Amino acid sequence: SISASNHFEVVGISDGSFDFRARATNVLGIRGDWNT
């Protein structure tokens, strides 16, 4: 269920340095590039 702005939460982490990444998939199942 996608809108122009989508919120995600990472729960259960402590202090430190983290990497996050996200990507989309179209209706044919083709995956886009990661944005990191």
Full PDB file with SEQRES, HELIX, SHEET, SSBOND, CRYST1, ORIGX, SCALE, CONECT and MASTER records, all heavy atoms in Angstrom:
SEQRES   1 A   36  SER ILE SER ALA SER ASN HIS PHE GLU VAL VAL GLY ILE          
SEQRES   2 A   36  SER ASP GLY SER PHE ASP PHE ARG ALA ARG ALA THR ASN          
SEQRES   3 A   36  VAL LEU GLY ILE ARG GLY ASP TRP ASN THR                      
CRYST1    1.000    1.000    1.000  90.00  90.00  90.00 P 1           1          
ORIGX1      1.000000  0.000000  0.000000        0.00000                         
ORIGX2      0.000000  1.000000  0.000000        0.00000                         
ORIGX3      0.000000  0.000000  1.000000        0.00000                         
SCALE1      1.000000  0.000000  0.000000        0.00000                         
SCALE2      0.000000  1.000000  0.000000        0.00000                         
SCALE3      0.000000  0.000000  1.000000        0.00000                         
ATOM      1  N   SER A   1       0.870  -1.173   0.000  1.00  0.00           N  
ATOM      2  CA  SER A   1       0.000   0.000   0.000  1.00  0.00           C  
ATOM      3  C   SER A   1       0.911   1.228   0.000  1.00  0.00           C  
ATOM      4  O   SER A   1       1.488   1.574   1.029  1.00  0.00           O  
ATOM      5  CB  SER A   1      -0.918  -0.009   1.222  1.00  0.00           C  
ATOM      6  OG  SER A   1      -1.722   1.141   1.261  1.00  0.00           O  
ATOM      7  N   ILE A   2       1.048   1.859  -1.157  1.00  0.00           N  
ATOM      8  CA  ILE A   2       2.083   2.863  -1.355  1.00  0.00           C  
ATOM      9  C   ILE A   2       1.451   4.232  -1.566  1.00  0.00           C  
ATOM     10  O   ILE A   2       0.455   4.380  -2.271  1.00  0.00           O  
ATOM     11  CB  ILE A   2       2.960   2.505  -2.567  1.00  0.00           C  
ATOM     12  CG1 ILE A   2       3.572   1.112  -2.373  1.00  0.00           C  
ATOM     13  CG2 ILE A   2       4.071   3.520  -2.762  1.00  0.00           C  
ATOM     14  CD1 ILE A   2       4.345   0.643  -3.568  1.00  0.00           C  
ATOM     15  N   SER A   3       2.065   5.234  -0.944  1.00  0.00           N  
ATOM     16  CA  SER A   3       1.697   6.622  -1.164  1.00  0.00           C  
ATOM     17  C   SER A   3       2.959   7.399  -1.502  1.00  0.00           C  
ATOM     18  O   SER A   3       4.053   6.831  -1.602  1.00  0.00           O  
ATOM     19  CB  SER A   3       1.011   7.201   0.078  1.00  0.00           C  
ATOM     20  OG  SER A   3       1.881   7.135   1.200  1.00  0.00           O  
ATOM     21  N   ALA A   4       2.828   8.702  -1.677  1.00  0.00           N  
ATOM     22  CA  ALA A   4       3.997   9.514  -2.010  1.00  0.00           C  
ATOM     23  C   ALA A   4       4.997   9.553  -0.868  1.00  0.00           C  
ATOM     24  O   ALA A   4       6.205   9.673  -1.085  1.00  0.00           O  
ATOM     25  CB  ALA A   4       3.558  10.929  -2.390  1.00  0.00           C  
ATOM     26  N   SER A   5       4.516   9.451   0.377  1.00  0.00           N  
ATOM     27  CA  SER A   5       5.386   9.444   1.551  1.00  0.00           C  
ATOM     28  C   SER A   5       5.005   8.251   2.423  1.00  0.00           C  
ATOM     29  O   SER A   5       3.845   8.079   2.789  1.00  0.00           O  
ATOM     30  CB  SER A   5       5.252  10.748   2.338  1.00  0.00           C  
ATOM     31  OG  SER A   5       6.082  10.748   3.480  1.00  0.00           O  
ATOM     32  N   ASN A   6       5.983   7.385   2.744  1.00  0.00           N  
ATOM     33  CA  ASN A   6       5.727   6.133   3.454  1.00  0.00           C  
ATOM     34  C   ASN A   6       6.656   6.045   4.668  1.00  0.00           C  
ATOM     35  O   ASN A   6       7.858   6.261   4.550  1.00  0.00           O  
ATOM     36  CB  ASN A   6       5.964   4.941   2.531  1.00  0.00           C  
ATOM     37  CG  ASN A   6       5.231   5.070   1.210  1.00  0.00           C  
ATOM     38  OD1 ASN A   6       4.101   4.644   1.060  1.00  0.00           O  
ATOM     39  ND2 ASN A   6       5.882   5.692   0.223  1.00  0.00           N  
ATOM     40  N   HIS A   7       6.081   5.721   5.820  1.00  0.00           N  
ATOM     41  CA  HIS A   7       6.858   5.679   7.063  1.00  0.00           C  
ATOM     42  C   HIS A   7       7.147   4.235   7.460  1.00  0.00           C  
ATOM     43  O   HIS A   7       6.261   3.376   7.413  1.00  0.00           O  
ATOM     44  CB  HIS A   7       6.113   6.399   8.191  1.00  0.00           C  
ATOM     45  CG  HIS A   7       6.016   7.872   8.004  1.00  0.00           C  
ATOM     46  ND1 HIS A   7       7.062   8.728   8.248  1.00  0.00           N  
ATOM     47  CD2 HIS A   7       5.000   8.663   7.575  1.00  0.00           C  
ATOM     48  CE1 HIS A   7       6.701   9.974   7.985  1.00  0.00           C  
ATOM     49  NE2 HIS A   7       5.442   9.950   7.576  1.00  0.00           N  
ATOM     50  N   PHE A   8       8.390   3.994   7.837  1.00  0.00           N  
ATOM     51  CA  PHE A   8       8.821   2.702   8.353  1.00  0.00           C  
ATOM     52  C   PHE A   8       9.511   2.927   9.690  1.00  0.00           C  
ATOM     53  O   PHE A   8      10.081   3.994   9.928  1.00  0.00           O  
ATOM     54  CB  PHE A   8       9.777   2.004   7.383  1.00  0.00           C  
ATOM     55  CG  PHE A   8       9.127   1.542   6.104  1.00  0.00           C  
ATOM     56  CD1 PHE A   8       8.939   2.417   5.048  1.00  0.00           C  
ATOM     57  CD2 PHE A   8       8.717   0.227   5.974  1.00  0.00           C  
ATOM     58  CE1 PHE A   8       8.337   1.986   3.874  1.00  0.00           C  
ATOM     59  CE2 PHE A   8       8.119  -0.212   4.803  1.00  0.00           C  
ATOM     60  CZ  PHE A   8       7.926   0.668   3.750  1.00  0.00           C  
ATOM     61  N   GLU A   9       9.489   1.898  10.550  1.00  0.00           N  
ATOM     62  CA  GLU A   9      10.107   1.996  11.861  1.00  0.00           C  
ATOM     63  C   GLU A   9      11.022   0.803  12.097  1.00  0.00           C  
ATOM     64  O   GLU A   9      10.660  -0.341  11.783  1.00  0.00           O  
ATOM     65  CB  GLU A   9       9.042   2.049  12.963  1.00  0.00           C  
ATOM     66  CG  GLU A   9       8.156   3.286  12.899  1.00  0.00           C  
ATOM     67  CD  GLU A   9       7.137   3.321  14.017  1.00  0.00           C  
ATOM     68  OE1 GLU A   9       7.002   2.277  14.711  1.00  0.00           O  
ATOM     69  OE2 GLU A   9       6.487   4.357  14.209  1.00  0.00           O  
ATOM     70  N   VAL A  10      12.200   1.095  12.626  1.00  0.00           N  
ATOM     71  CA  VAL A  10      13.130   0.053  13.063  1.00  0.00           C  
ATOM     72  C   VAL A  10      13.132   0.096  14.587  1.00  0.00           C  
ATOM     73  O   VAL A  10      13.600   1.065  15.191  1.00  0.00           O  
ATOM     74  CB  VAL A  10      14.538   0.286  12.502  1.00  0.00           C  
ATOM     75  CG1 VAL A  10      15.471  -0.832  12.951  1.00  0.00           C  
ATOM     76  CG2 VAL A  10      14.505   0.384  10.979  1.00  0.00           C  
ATOM     77  N   VAL A  11      12.591  -0.936  15.217  1.00  0.00           N  
ATOM     78  CA  VAL A  11      12.394  -0.962  16.667  1.00  0.00           C  
ATOM     79  C   VAL A  11      13.341  -1.981  17.286  1.00  0.00           C  
ATOM     80  O   VAL A  11      13.549  -3.069  16.747  1.00  0.00           O  
ATOM     81  CB  VAL A  11      10.935  -1.307  17.025  1.00  0.00           C  
ATOM     82  CG1 VAL A  11      10.722  -1.293  18.527  1.00  0.00           C  
ATOM     83  CG2 VAL A  11       9.981  -0.323  16.343  1.00  0.00           C  
ATOM     84  N   GLY A  12      13.916  -1.612  18.427  1.00  0.00           N  
ATOM     85  CA  GLY A  12      14.762  -2.539  19.162  1.00  0.00           C  
ATOM     86  C   GLY A  12      16.239  -2.352  18.923  1.00  0.00           C  
ATOM     87  O   GLY A  12      17.010  -3.295  19.053  1.00  0.00           O  
ATOM     88  N   ILE A  13      16.663  -1.137  18.577  1.00  0.00           N  
ATOM     89  CA  ILE A  13      18.079  -0.884  18.339  1.00  0.00           C  
ATOM     90  C   ILE A  13      18.640  -0.001  19.453  1.00  0.00           C  
ATOM     91  O   ILE A  13      17.900   0.703  20.140  1.00  0.00           O  
ATOM     92  CB  ILE A  13      18.321  -0.229  16.959  1.00  0.00           C  
ATOM     93  CG1 ILE A  13      17.680   1.162  16.908  1.00  0.00           C  
ATOM     94  CG2 ILE A  13      17.773  -1.094  15.850  1.00  0.00           C  
ATOM     95  CD1 ILE A  13      17.992   1.894  15.619  1.00  0.00           C  
ATOM     96  N   SER A  14      19.938  -0.061  19.607  1.00  0.00           N  
ATOM     97  CA  SER A  14      20.627   0.747  20.614  1.00  0.00           C  
ATOM     98  C   SER A  14      21.445   1.820  19.909  1.00  0.00           C  
ATOM     99  O   SER A  14      21.388   1.973  18.688  1.00  0.00           O  
ATOM    100  CB  SER A  14      21.523  -0.142  21.476  1.00  0.00           C  
ATOM    101  OG  SER A  14      22.447  -0.847  20.666  1.00  0.00           O  
ATOM    102  N   ASP A  15      22.228   2.541  20.676  1.00  0.00           N  
ATOM    103  CA  ASP A  15      23.051   3.594  20.090  1.00  0.00           C  
ATOM    104  C   ASP A  15      24.126   2.985  19.184  1.00  0.00           C  
ATOM    105  O   ASP A  15      24.636   1.893  19.443  1.00  0.00           O  
ATOM    106  CB  ASP A  15      23.727   4.413  21.189  1.00  0.00           C  
ATOM    107  CG  ASP A  15      22.715   5.190  22.008  1.00  0.00           C  
ATOM    108  OD1 ASP A  15      21.522   5.130  21.656  1.00  0.00           O  
ATOM    109  OD2 ASP A  15      23.107   5.836  22.984  1.00  0.00           O  
ATOM    110  N   GLY A  16      24.451   3.711  18.131  1.00  0.00           N  
ATOM    111  CA  GLY A  16      25.491   3.241  17.230  1.00  0.00           C  
ATOM    112  C   GLY A  16      25.290   3.755  15.826  1.00  0.00           C  
ATOM    113  O   GLY A  16      24.366   4.533  15.536  1.00  0.00           O  
ATOM    114  N   SER A  17      26.139   3.315  14.918  1.00  0.00           N  
ATOM    115  CA  SER A  17      26.110   3.726  13.514  1.00  0.00           C  
ATOM    116  C   SER A  17      25.377   2.658  12.700  1.00  0.00           C  
ATOM    117  O   SER A  17      25.721   1.470  12.765  1.00  0.00           O  
ATOM    118  CB  SER A  17      27.534   3.925  12.993  1.00  0.00           C  
ATOM    119  OG  SER A  17      27.512   4.377  11.658  1.00  0.00           O  
ATOM    120  N   PHE A  18      24.404   3.089  11.904  1.00  0.00           N  
ATOM    121  CA  PHE A  18      23.566   2.165  11.145  1.00  0.00           C  
ATOM    122  C   PHE A  18      23.494   2.582   9.677  1.00  0.00           C  
ATOM    123  O   PHE A  18      23.652   3.755   9.335  1.00  0.00           O  
ATOM    124  CB  PHE A  18      22.152   2.106  11.726  1.00  0.00           C  
ATOM    125  CG  PHE A  18      22.059   1.398  13.047  1.00  0.00           C  
ATOM    126  CD1 PHE A  18      22.307   2.091  14.223  1.00  0.00           C  
ATOM    127  CD2 PHE A  18      21.720   0.062  13.113  1.00  0.00           C  
ATOM    128  CE1 PHE A  18      22.225   1.461  15.449  1.00  0.00           C  
ATOM    129  CE2 PHE A  18      21.633  -0.579  14.344  1.00  0.00           C  
ATOM    130  CZ  PHE A  18      21.887   0.119  15.506  1.00  0.00           C  
ATOM    131  N   ASP A  19      23.230   1.580   8.821  1.00  0.00           N  
ATOM    132  CA  ASP A  19      22.950   1.803   7.407  1.00  0.00           C  
ATOM    133  C   ASP A  19      21.492   1.431   7.152  1.00  0.00           C  
ATOM    134  O   ASP A  19      20.989   0.435   7.693  1.00  0.00           O  
ATOM    135  CB  ASP A  19      23.852   0.938   6.513  1.00  0.00           C  
ATOM    136  CG  ASP A  19      25.325   1.219   6.730  1.00  0.00           C  
ATOM    137  OD1 ASP A  19      25.655   2.329   7.182  1.00  0.00           O  
ATOM    138  OD2 ASP A  19      26.143   0.332   6.422  1.00  0.00           O  
ATOM    139  N   PHE A  20      20.830   2.227   6.321  1.00  0.00           N  
ATOM    140  CA  PHE A  20      19.446   1.957   5.928  1.00  0.00           C  
ATOM    141  C   PHE A  20      19.351   2.004   4.402  1.00  0.00           C  
ATOM    142  O   PHE A  20      20.045   2.782   3.750  1.00  0.00           O  
ATOM    143  CB  PHE A  20      18.491   2.996   6.535  1.00  0.00           C  
ATOM    144  CG  PHE A  20      18.603   3.132   8.025  1.00  0.00           C  
ATOM    145  CD1 PHE A  20      19.408   4.111   8.602  1.00  0.00           C  
ATOM    146  CD2 PHE A  20      17.909   2.280   8.863  1.00  0.00           C  
ATOM    147  CE1 PHE A  20      19.519   4.248   9.967  1.00  0.00           C  
ATOM    148  CE2 PHE A  20      18.015   2.411  10.245  1.00  0.00           C  
ATOM    149  CZ  PHE A  20      18.816   3.388  10.795  1.00  0.00           C  
ATOM    150  N   ARG A  21      18.488   1.175   3.818  1.00  0.00           N  
ATOM    151  CA  ARG A  21      18.293   1.211   2.373  1.00  0.00           C  
ATOM    152  C   ARG A  21      16.857   0.838   2.022  1.00  0.00           C  
ATOM    153  O   ARG A  21      16.173   0.119   2.779  1.00  0.00           O  
ATOM    154  CB  ARG A  21      19.281   0.277   1.663  1.00  0.00           C  
ATOM    155  CG  ARG A  21      19.081  -1.219   1.903  1.00  0.00           C  
ATOM    156  CD  ARG A  21      20.140  -2.016   1.145  1.00  0.00           C  
ATOM    157  NE  ARG A  21      19.918  -3.455   1.228  1.00  0.00           N  
ATOM    158  CZ  ARG A  21      20.680  -4.370   0.627  1.00  0.00           C  
ATOM    159  NH1 ARG A  21      21.737  -3.982  -0.092  1.00  0.00           N  
ATOM    160  NH2 ARG A  21      20.406  -5.659   0.737  1.00  0.00           N  
ATOM    161  N   ALA A  22      16.407   1.330   0.872  1.00  0.00           N  
ATOM    162  CA  ALA A  22      15.027   1.104   0.426  1.00  0.00           C  
ATOM    163  C   ALA A  22      15.005   1.005  -1.091  1.00  0.00           C  
ATOM    164  O   ALA A  22      15.841   1.594  -1.789  1.00  0.00           O  
ATOM    165  CB  ALA A  22      14.108   2.227   0.901  1.00  0.00           C  
ATOM    166  N   ARG A  23      14.027   0.253  -1.610  1.00  0.00           N  
ATOM    167  CA  ARG A  23      13.834   0.146  -3.055  1.00  0.00           C  
ATOM    168  C   ARG A  23      12.373  -0.173  -3.343  1.00  0.00           C  
ATOM    169  O   ARG A  23      11.633  -0.655  -2.471  1.00  0.00           O  
ATOM    170  CB  ARG A  23      14.738  -0.927  -3.661  1.00  0.00           C  
ATOM    171  CG  ARG A  23      14.389  -2.348  -3.268  1.00  0.00           C  
ATOM    172  CD  ARG A  23      15.327  -3.350  -3.913  1.00  0.00           C  
ATOM    173  NE  ARG A  23      15.063  -4.717  -3.459  1.00  0.00           N  
ATOM    174  CZ  ARG A  23      15.796  -5.770  -3.816  1.00  0.00           C  
ATOM    175  NH1 ARG A  23      16.845  -5.613  -4.619  1.00  0.00           N  
ATOM    176  NH2 ARG A  23      15.490  -6.981  -3.369  1.00  0.00           N  
ATOM    177  N   ALA A  24      11.967   0.065  -4.580  1.00  0.00           N  
ATOM    178  CA  ALA A  24      10.598  -0.202  -5.028  1.00  0.00           C  
ATOM    179  C   ALA A  24      10.602  -1.347  -6.034  1.00  0.00           C  
ATOM    180  O   ALA A  24      11.632  -1.677  -6.633  1.00  0.00           O  
ATOM    181  CB  ALA A  24       9.984   1.050  -5.642  1.00  0.00           C  
ATOM    182  N   THR A  25       9.440  -1.948  -6.220  1.00  0.00           N  
ATOM    183  CA  THR A  25       9.223  -2.999  -7.211  1.00  0.00           C  
ATOM    184  C   THR A  25       7.991  -2.638  -8.027  1.00  0.00           C  
ATOM    185  O   THR A  25       6.985  -2.193  -7.461  1.00  0.00           O  
ATOM    186  CB  THR A  25       9.024  -4.368  -6.530  1.00  0.00           C  
ATOM    187  OG1 THR A  25      10.165  -4.658  -5.713  1.00  0.00           O  
ATOM    188  CG2 THR A  25       8.858  -5.471  -7.554  1.00  0.00           C  
ATOM    189  N   ASN A  26       8.050  -2.816  -9.361  1.00  0.00           N  
ATOM    190  CA  ASN A  26       6.888  -2.479 -10.176  1.00  0.00           C  
ATOM    191  C   ASN A  26       5.929  -3.660 -10.270  1.00  0.00           C  
ATOM    192  O   ASN A  26       6.159  -4.727  -9.685  1.00  0.00           O  
ATOM    193  CB  ASN A  26       7.309  -1.959 -11.559  1.00  0.00           C  
ATOM    194  CG  ASN A  26       7.930  -3.045 -12.429  1.00  0.00           C  
ATOM    195  OD1 ASN A  26       7.879  -4.232 -12.123  1.00  0.00           O  
ATOM    196  ND2 ASN A  26       8.527  -2.634 -13.532  1.00  0.00           N  
ATOM    197  N   VAL A  27       4.846  -3.500 -11.017  1.00  0.00           N  
ATOM    198  CA  VAL A  27       3.785  -4.519 -11.062  1.00  0.00           C  
ATOM    199  C   VAL A  27       4.244  -5.803 -11.728  1.00  0.00           C  
ATOM    200  O   VAL A  27       3.615  -6.853 -11.570  1.00  0.00           O  
ATOM    201  CB  VAL A  27       2.538  -3.965 -11.781  1.00  0.00           C  
ATOM    202  CG1 VAL A  27       1.907  -2.846 -10.979  1.00  0.00           C  
ATOM    203  CG2 VAL A  27       2.888  -3.490 -13.185  1.00  0.00           C  
ATOM    204  N   LEU A  28       5.325  -5.766 -12.494  1.00  0.00           N  
ATOM    205  CA  LEU A  28       5.849  -6.965 -13.137  1.00  0.00           C  
ATOM    206  C   LEU A  28       6.886  -7.673 -12.279  1.00  0.00           C  
ATOM    207  O   LEU A  28       7.490  -8.658 -12.700  1.00  0.00           O  
ATOM    208  CB  LEU A  28       6.458  -6.611 -14.497  1.00  0.00           C  
ATOM    209  CG  LEU A  28       5.479  -6.049 -15.531  1.00  0.00           C  
ATOM    210  CD1 LEU A  28       6.210  -5.729 -16.840  1.00  0.00           C  
ATOM    211  CD2 LEU A  28       4.348  -7.034 -15.797  1.00  0.00           C  
ATOM    212  N   GLY A  29       7.113  -7.178 -11.061  1.00  0.00           N  
ATOM    213  CA  GLY A  29       8.075  -7.803 -10.172  1.00  0.00           C  
ATOM    214  C   GLY A  29       9.510  -7.386 -10.402  1.00  0.00           C  
ATOM    215  O   GLY A  29      10.430  -7.984  -9.830  1.00  0.00           O  
ATOM    216  N   ILE A  30       9.726  -6.362 -11.209  1.00  0.00           N  
ATOM    217  CA  ILE A  30      11.082  -5.877 -11.470  1.00  0.00           C  
ATOM    218  C   ILE A  30      11.479  -4.921 -10.350  1.00  0.00           C  
ATOM    219  O   ILE A  30      10.776  -3.953 -10.068  1.00  0.00           O  
ATOM    220  CB  ILE A  30      11.161  -5.182 -12.840  1.00  0.00           C  
ATOM    221  CG1 ILE A  30      10.780  -6.178 -13.938  1.00  0.00           C  
ATOM    222  CG2 ILE A  30      12.554  -4.617 -13.083  1.00  0.00           C  
ATOM    223  CD1 ILE A  30      10.726  -5.570 -15.322  1.00  0.00           C  
ATOM    224  N   ARG A  31      12.615  -5.210  -9.713  1.00  0.00           N  
ATOM    225  CA  ARG A  31      13.074  -4.429  -8.572  1.00  0.00           C  
ATOM    226  C   ARG A  31      13.939  -3.264  -9.029  1.00  0.00           C  
ATOM    227  O   ARG A  31      14.748  -3.394  -9.944  1.00  0.00           O  
ATOM    228  CB  ARG A  31      13.852  -5.312  -7.596  1.00  0.00           C  
ATOM    229  CG  ARG A  31      13.023  -6.421  -6.956  1.00  0.00           C  
ATOM    230  CD  ARG A  31      13.854  -7.228  -5.983  1.00  0.00           C  
ATOM    231  NE  ARG A  31      13.047  -8.223  -5.280  1.00  0.00           N  
ATOM    232  CZ  ARG A  31      12.859  -9.462  -5.713  1.00  0.00           C  
ATOM    233  NH1 ARG A  31      13.429  -9.846  -6.851  1.00  0.00           N  
ATOM    234  NH2 ARG A  31      12.108 -10.298  -5.020  1.00  0.00           N  
ATOM    235  N   GLY A  32      13.783  -2.137  -8.358  1.00  0.00           N  
ATOM    236  CA  GLY A  32      14.591  -0.969  -8.647  1.00  0.00           C  
ATOM    237  C   GLY A  32      15.900  -1.004  -7.877  1.00  0.00           C  
ATOM    238  O   GLY A  32      16.217  -1.955  -7.161  1.00  0.00           O  
ATOM    239  N   ASP A  33      16.676   0.049  -8.027  1.00  0.00           N  
ATOM    240  CA  ASP A  33      17.956   0.150  -7.340  1.00  0.00           C  
ATOM    241  C   ASP A  33      17.751   0.544  -5.884  1.00  0.00           C  
ATOM    242  O   ASP A  33      16.818   1.279  -5.545  1.00  0.00           O  
ATOM    243  CB  ASP A  33      18.850   1.183  -8.037  1.00  0.00           C  
ATOM    244  CG  ASP A  33      19.210   0.768  -9.459  1.00  0.00           C  
ATOM    245  OD1 ASP A  33      19.291  -0.448  -9.710  1.00  0.00           O  
ATOM    246  OD2 ASP A  33      19.409   1.669 -10.307  1.00  0.00           O  
ATOM    247  N   TRP A  34      18.653   0.066  -5.033  1.00  0.00           N  
ATOM    248  CA  TRP A  34      18.629   0.461  -3.635  1.00  0.00           C  
ATOM    249  C   TRP A  34      19.068   1.912  -3.477  1.00  0.00           C  
ATOM    250  O   TRP A  34      19.990   2.358  -4.146  1.00  0.00           O  
ATOM    251  CB  TRP A  34      19.580  -0.410  -2.811  1.00  0.00           C  
ATOM    252  CG  TRP A  34      19.148  -1.834  -2.609  1.00  0.00           C  
ATOM    253  CD1 TRP A  34      19.675  -2.940  -3.212  1.00  0.00           C  
ATOM    254  CD2 TRP A  34      18.125  -2.312  -1.733  1.00  0.00           C  
ATOM    255  NE1 TRP A  34      19.041  -4.074  -2.770  1.00  0.00           N  
ATOM    256  CE2 TRP A  34      18.088  -3.730  -1.853  1.00  0.00           C  
ATOM    257  CE3 TRP A  34      17.238  -1.697  -0.851  1.00  0.00           C  
ATOM    258  CZ2 TRP A  34      17.203  -4.522  -1.135  1.00  0.00           C  
ATOM    259  CZ3 TRP A  34      16.361  -2.487  -0.140  1.00  0.00           C  
ATOM    260  CH2 TRP A  34      16.335  -3.873  -0.282  1.00  0.00           C  
ATOM    261  N   ASN A  35      18.391   2.624  -2.623  1.00  0.00           N  
ATOM    262  CA  ASN A  35      18.861   3.937  -2.166  1.00  0.00           C  
ATOM    263  C   ASN A  35      19.330   3.749  -0.731  1.00  0.00           C  
ATOM    264  O   ASN A  35      18.546   3.372   0.146  1.00  0.00           O  
ATOM    265  CB  ASN A  35      17.748   4.979  -2.238  1.00  0.00           C  
ATOM    266  CG  ASN A  35      18.236   6.366  -1.842  1.00  0.00           C  
ATOM    267  OD1 ASN A  35      19.404   6.558  -1.517  1.00  0.00           O  
ATOM    268  ND2 ASN A  35      17.342   7.331  -1.868  1.00  0.00           N  
ATOM    269  N   THR A  36      20.614   4.000  -0.481  1.00  0.00           N  
ATOM    270  CA  THR A  36      21.226   3.667   0.800  1.00  0.00           C  
ATOM    271  C   THR A  36      21.679   4.917   1.536  1.00  0.00           C  
ATOM    272  O   THR A  36      22.282   5.809   0.938  1.00  0.00           O  
ATOM    273  CB  THR A  36      22.430   2.726   0.604  1.00  0.00           C  
ATOM    274  OG1 THR A  36      22.016   1.557  -0.114  1.00  0.00           O  
ATOM    275  CG2 THR A  36      23.026   2.312   1.942  1.00  0.00           C  
TER     276      THR A  36                                                      
MASTER        0    0    0    0    0    0    0    6  275    1    0    3          
END                                                                             
